[in-house]
Amino acid sequence: MENDKVLDIEKLKAFWVTEGEEALRVAEHLLEKEDFSYTLFFGHLALEKMLKALCVETLKDHAPPIHNLVRLAGIAGLKLDDKTKDALIMITGFTIESRYPDFKGTFRRKCTKAFTHEQLLEIKRIFKCIKSHLK
């Protein structure tokens, strides 16, 4: 029974940080291979996992099983400026568009090398910011 076990917050937080760092490395590898839509999918995962690490630290409990980055940031207690909030809204969309592509391939066509590179730079900026909030 899980309630009988003491939750190791530091271990759980470290798990999410490691997972987030790995997802960011995968995103970089996918960019090198020019697999652009999945680069952005893994970029989203990287931010989601880092935010879950921050949620664990803040809540002293498991992170919620959600994918919306703005909601996770709120639960984690992050104060977002408009630029970062708008970026997180867009990046959250990447997970939906990658998982459930439309018949016309609209998202994949949007994921040019330049667009993907620009978005990954933004993902890395936010990733670094989230990581800086972890104790």
Protein backbone atom coordinates (compact mmCIF):
# COMPACT_ATOMS: atom_id res chain seq x y z
CA MET A 1 0.00 0.00 0.00
CA GLU A 2 1.62 3.25 -1.15
CA ASN A 3 0.21 5.38 1.68
CA ASP A 4 2.19 3.28 4.15
CA LYS A 5 5.46 4.20 2.44
CA VAL A 6 7.27 7.46 3.08
CA LEU A 7 7.67 9.38 -0.16
CA ASP A 8 11.30 10.29 -0.88
CA ILE A 9 10.78 13.76 -2.34
CA GLU A 10 14.43 14.30 -3.27
CA LYS A 11 14.62 10.97 -5.09
CA LEU A 12 11.36 11.66 -6.94
CA LYS A 13 12.50 15.17 -7.87
CA ALA A 14 15.85 13.80 -9.10
CA PHE A 15 13.97 11.26 -11.22
CA TRP A 16 12.03 14.02 -13.01
CA VAL A 17 15.15 16.14 -13.50
CA THR A 18 17.02 13.19 -15.03
CA GLU A 19 14.05 12.41 -17.27
CA GLY A 20 13.81 16.06 -18.35
CA GLU A 21 17.50 16.25 -19.20
CA GLU A 22 17.25 13.02 -21.20
CA ALA A 23 14.21 14.28 -23.13
CA LEU A 24 16.12 17.47 -24.02
CA ARG A 25 19.08 15.38 -25.27
CA VAL A 26 16.70 13.32 -27.40
CA ALA A 27 15.19 16.53 -28.82
CA GLU A 28 18.69 17.69 -29.79
CA HIS A 29 19.44 14.33 -31.46
CA LEU A 30 16.16 14.49 -33.37
CA LEU A 31 17.00 18.00 -34.57
CA GLU A 32 20.34 16.72 -35.89
CA LYS A 33 18.45 13.98 -37.76
CA GLU A 34 16.00 16.62 -39.09
CA ASP A 35 13.03 14.92 -37.48
CA PHE A 36 11.50 18.27 -36.66
CA SER A 37 8.00 17.53 -35.35
CA TYR A 38 9.35 14.97 -32.89
CA THR A 39 12.12 17.38 -31.87
CA LEU A 40 9.37 19.67 -30.63
CA PHE A 41 7.43 16.80 -29.07
CA PHE A 42 10.49 15.84 -27.00
CA GLY A 43 11.13 19.51 -26.24
CA HIS A 44 7.67 19.63 -24.70
CA LEU A 45 8.44 16.47 -22.71
CA ALA A 46 11.65 18.03 -21.39
CA LEU A 47 9.79 21.06 -20.05
CA GLU A 48 6.93 18.95 -18.70
CA LYS A 49 9.32 16.74 -16.75
CA MET A 50 11.27 19.68 -15.33
CA LEU A 51 8.03 21.33 -14.26
CA LYS A 52 6.99 18.06 -12.63
CA ALA A 53 10.28 18.10 -10.68
CA LEU A 54 9.39 21.60 -9.48
CA CYS A 55 5.84 20.44 -8.64
CA VAL A 56 7.24 17.60 -6.53
CA GLU A 57 9.48 20.05 -4.70
CA THR A 58 6.62 22.51 -4.14
CA LEU A 59 3.86 20.04 -3.29
CA LYS A 60 6.05 17.55 -1.40
CA ASP A 61 4.03 14.93 -3.28
CA HIS A 62 3.71 13.35 -6.71
CA ALA A 63 3.32 15.70 -9.66
CA PRO A 64 -0.12 15.75 -11.28
CA PRO A 65 -0.52 13.54 -14.37
CA ILE A 66 -1.17 16.43 -16.77
CA HIS A 67 0.65 17.76 -19.84
CA ASN A 68 -0.43 21.42 -19.90
CA LEU A 69 2.75 23.40 -19.22
CA VAL A 70 1.03 26.58 -18.02
CA ARG A 71 -1.04 24.58 -15.52
CA LEU A 72 2.05 22.73 -14.30
CA ALA A 73 3.93 26.01 -13.90
CA GLY A 74 1.04 27.38 -11.84
CA ILE A 75 0.94 24.31 -9.63
CA ALA A 76 4.71 24.61 -9.18
CA GLY A 77 4.30 28.23 -8.09
CA LEU A 78 6.20 29.76 -11.02
CA LYS A 79 5.36 33.34 -11.88
CA LEU A 80 5.36 33.58 -15.68
CA ASP A 81 5.97 36.70 -17.72
CA ASP A 82 3.78 37.10 -20.81
CA LYS A 83 6.52 35.95 -23.20
CA THR A 84 7.12 32.71 -21.30
CA LYS A 85 3.40 32.06 -20.80
CA ASP A 86 2.76 32.49 -24.53
CA ALA A 87 5.71 30.21 -25.32
CA LEU A 88 4.41 27.52 -22.95
CA ILE A 89 0.97 27.70 -24.55
CA MET A 90 2.53 27.18 -27.99
CA ILE A 91 4.86 24.41 -26.78
CA THR A 92 1.95 22.59 -25.10
CA GLY A 93 0.35 22.49 -28.53
CA PHE A 94 3.35 20.62 -29.90
CA THR A 95 2.49 17.53 -27.88
CA ILE A 96 -1.06 17.44 -29.24
CA GLU A 97 -0.06 18.15 -32.83
CA SER A 98 2.73 15.55 -32.74
CA ARG A 99 0.58 12.83 -31.16
CA TYR A 100 -2.48 13.49 -33.30
CA PRO A 101 -1.34 14.84 -36.66
CA ASP A 102 -4.04 15.96 -39.05
CA PHE A 103 -4.57 14.26 -42.38
CA LYS A 104 -3.10 17.24 -44.25
CA GLY A 105 0.12 17.22 -42.22
CA THR A 106 -0.27 20.89 -41.27
CA PHE A 107 1.95 20.73 -38.19
CA ARG A 108 4.70 18.76 -39.88
CA ARG A 109 4.81 21.31 -42.73
CA LYS A 110 5.07 24.11 -40.18
CA CYS A 111 8.08 22.38 -38.58
CA THR A 112 10.76 23.69 -40.88
CA LYS A 113 14.38 23.56 -39.85
CA ALA A 114 14.36 27.28 -38.98
CA PHE A 115 11.07 27.10 -37.02
CA THR A 116 12.17 24.02 -35.09
CA HIS A 117 15.59 25.47 -34.30
CA GLU A 118 13.99 28.70 -33.03
CA GLN A 119 11.49 26.82 -30.89
CA LEU A 120 14.16 24.52 -29.45
CA LEU A 121 16.20 27.57 -28.42
CA GLU A 122 13.11 28.88 -26.59
CA ILE A 123 12.56 25.46 -24.99
CA LYS A 124 16.18 25.47 -23.78
CA ARG A 125 15.77 28.99 -22.36
CA ILE A 126 12.70 27.97 -20.39
CA PHE A 127 14.30 24.67 -19.35
CA LYS A 128 17.24 26.56 -17.86
CA CYS A 129 14.88 28.96 -16.09
CA ILE A 130 12.85 26.13 -14.54
CA LYS A 131 16.01 24.33 -13.47
CA SER A 132 17.27 27.51 -11.78
CA HIS A 133 14.17 27.48 -9.54
CA LEU A 134 14.91 24.00 -8.20
CA LYS A 135 16.60 23.85 -4.80
